Amino acid sequence: MADIKTKAQGLDPNLKARDVKSLAAVTGNIYESLSIVSKRSKQLAVDLKHELHNKLEEFAVTSDTIEEITENKEQIEISKFYERLPNPSIIATEEFVNGEIHSHYNDRHRNNNRR
């Protein structure tokens, strides 16, 4: 997971226009390319969310009284760090464009669609 964060820190968090033909060139179909990026984006979102919750739980203080609300500066800093990371779809698109995503068809699935 640490490598995803380091990759993401170097990326521009803003959206930018992409050449649709270059995205489609990898798979031969734009919809297939977008499906691959979408699935990877969902994986990244789940991983980052899980990691964020684990880090925040380290600093969690359990209290029985509702009146006691304390701010933990470490939790705030961790939350701000994750908020500054680019959207998982931006990370997934960069990975796809750079050829870092491997995808393949299940042979059974492909043969059933040809009938």
Protein backbone atom coordinates (compact mmCIF):
# COMPACT_ATOMS: atom_id res chain seq x y z
CA MET A 1 0.00 0.00 0.00
CA ALA A 2 2.88 2.36 0.67
CA ASP A 3 3.83 2.32 -3.02
CA ILE A 4 0.34 3.52 -4.00
CA LYS A 5 0.65 6.47 -1.63
CA THR A 6 4.08 7.40 -2.96
CA LYS A 7 2.85 7.18 -6.56
CA ALA A 8 -0.22 9.21 -5.71
CA GLN A 9 1.77 11.95 -4.01
CA GLY A 10 3.55 12.75 -7.27
CA LEU A 11 0.36 12.96 -9.32
CA ASP A 12 -1.55 16.11 -10.10
CA PRO A 13 -4.85 15.80 -8.19
CA ASN A 14 -6.71 17.76 -10.87
CA LEU A 15 -8.49 16.13 -13.77
CA LYS A 16 -7.00 16.54 -17.20
CA ALA A 17 -8.20 15.73 -20.67
CA ARG A 18 -7.20 12.36 -22.09
CA ASP A 19 -6.94 11.18 -25.65
CA VAL A 20 -9.70 8.60 -26.01
CA LYS A 21 -7.95 6.89 -28.92
CA SER A 22 -4.81 6.26 -26.88
CA LEU A 23 -6.88 4.77 -24.04
CA ALA A 24 -8.71 2.52 -26.51
CA ALA A 25 -5.50 1.51 -28.27
CA VAL A 26 -4.40 -0.66 -25.34
CA THR A 27 -7.45 -2.95 -25.45
CA GLY A 28 -8.98 -2.12 -28.82
CA ASN A 29 -12.19 -0.92 -27.16
CA ILE A 30 -12.75 2.25 -25.14
CA TYR A 31 -15.45 0.63 -23.00
CA GLU A 32 -13.15 -2.24 -22.08
CA SER A 33 -10.39 0.21 -21.16
CA LEU A 34 -12.75 2.23 -18.98
CA SER A 35 -14.01 -0.95 -17.34
CA ILE A 36 -10.45 -1.93 -16.42
CA VAL A 37 -9.73 1.56 -15.02
CA SER A 38 -13.01 1.52 -13.10
CA LYS A 39 -12.31 -1.85 -11.48
CA ARG A 40 -8.81 -0.76 -10.48
CA SER A 41 -10.19 2.50 -9.11
CA LYS A 42 -12.62 0.59 -6.88
CA GLN A 43 -9.76 -1.59 -5.60
CA LEU A 44 -7.69 1.49 -4.77
CA ALA A 45 -10.60 3.22 -3.04
CA VAL A 46 -11.27 0.21 -0.82
CA ASP A 47 -7.57 -0.21 0.02
CA LEU A 48 -7.07 3.46 0.85
CA LYS A 49 -10.23 3.61 2.94
CA HIS A 50 -9.22 0.50 4.88
CA GLU A 51 -5.73 1.87 5.50
CA LEU A 52 -7.11 5.26 6.63
CA HIS A 53 -9.50 3.64 9.10
CA ASN A 54 -6.72 1.45 10.52
CA LYS A 55 -4.46 4.46 11.04
CA LEU A 56 -7.22 6.52 12.64
CA GLU A 57 -8.12 3.65 14.99
CA GLU A 58 -4.58 3.74 16.40
CA PHE A 59 -5.29 7.19 17.82
CA ALA A 60 -8.93 6.62 18.76
CA VAL A 61 -9.87 7.34 22.35
CA THR A 62 -12.91 5.56 23.67
CA SER A 63 -14.95 7.47 26.19
CA ASP A 64 -18.28 6.71 27.83
CA THR A 65 -19.35 10.32 28.19
CA ILE A 66 -20.78 12.29 25.33
CA GLU A 67 -19.59 15.62 26.74
CA GLU A 68 -15.94 14.72 26.26
CA ILE A 69 -14.92 15.44 22.70
CA THR A 70 -11.22 15.80 22.16
CA GLU A 71 -9.36 16.70 19.02
CA ASN A 72 -6.41 14.54 18.25
CA LYS A 73 -3.88 16.41 16.12
CA GLU A 74 -2.42 13.18 14.71
CA GLN A 75 -5.85 12.12 13.43
CA ILE A 76 -6.37 15.51 11.84
CA GLU A 77 -2.98 15.37 10.08
CA ILE A 78 -3.60 11.83 8.81
CA SER A 79 -7.04 12.83 7.51
CA LYS A 80 -5.61 15.88 5.75
CA PHE A 81 -2.92 13.75 4.12
CA TYR A 82 -5.48 11.34 2.68
CA GLU A 83 -7.73 14.21 1.57
CA ARG A 84 -4.87 15.68 -0.46
CA LEU A 85 -4.29 12.42 -2.35
CA PRO A 86 -5.69 12.32 -5.88
CA ASN A 87 -8.98 10.57 -6.51
CA PRO A 88 -8.55 6.79 -6.99
CA SER A 89 -9.85 7.09 -10.56
CA ILE A 90 -7.01 9.51 -11.39
CA ILE A 91 -4.47 7.09 -9.91
CA ALA A 92 -6.01 4.15 -11.82
CA THR A 93 -6.00 6.09 -15.10
CA GLU A 94 -2.32 6.96 -14.66
CA GLU A 95 -1.51 3.31 -13.93
CA PHE A 96 -3.43 2.25 -17.05
CA VAL A 97 -1.72 4.80 -19.29
CA ASN A 98 1.71 3.79 -17.93
CA GLY A 99 1.00 0.09 -18.52
CA GLU A 100 1.06 -0.83 -14.83
CA ILE A 101 -2.31 -2.62 -14.85
CA HIS A 102 -2.49 -6.22 -16.01
CA SER A 103 -5.84 -7.55 -17.20
CA HIS A 104 -6.92 -10.74 -18.87
CA TYR A 105 -10.05 -12.59 -19.92
CA ASN A 106 -11.29 -15.73 -18.33
CA ASP A 107 -11.34 -18.21 -21.25
CA ARG A 108 -14.70 -19.66 -20.23
CA HIS A 109 -16.27 -16.18 -20.16
CA ARG A 110 -14.86 -15.25 -23.56
CA ASN A 111 -16.02 -18.49 -25.22
CA ASN A 112 -19.57 -18.12 -23.87
CA ASN A 113 -19.89 -14.63 -25.36
CA ARG A 114 -18.95 -15.82 -28.83
CA ARG A 115 -21.86 -18.23 -29.18
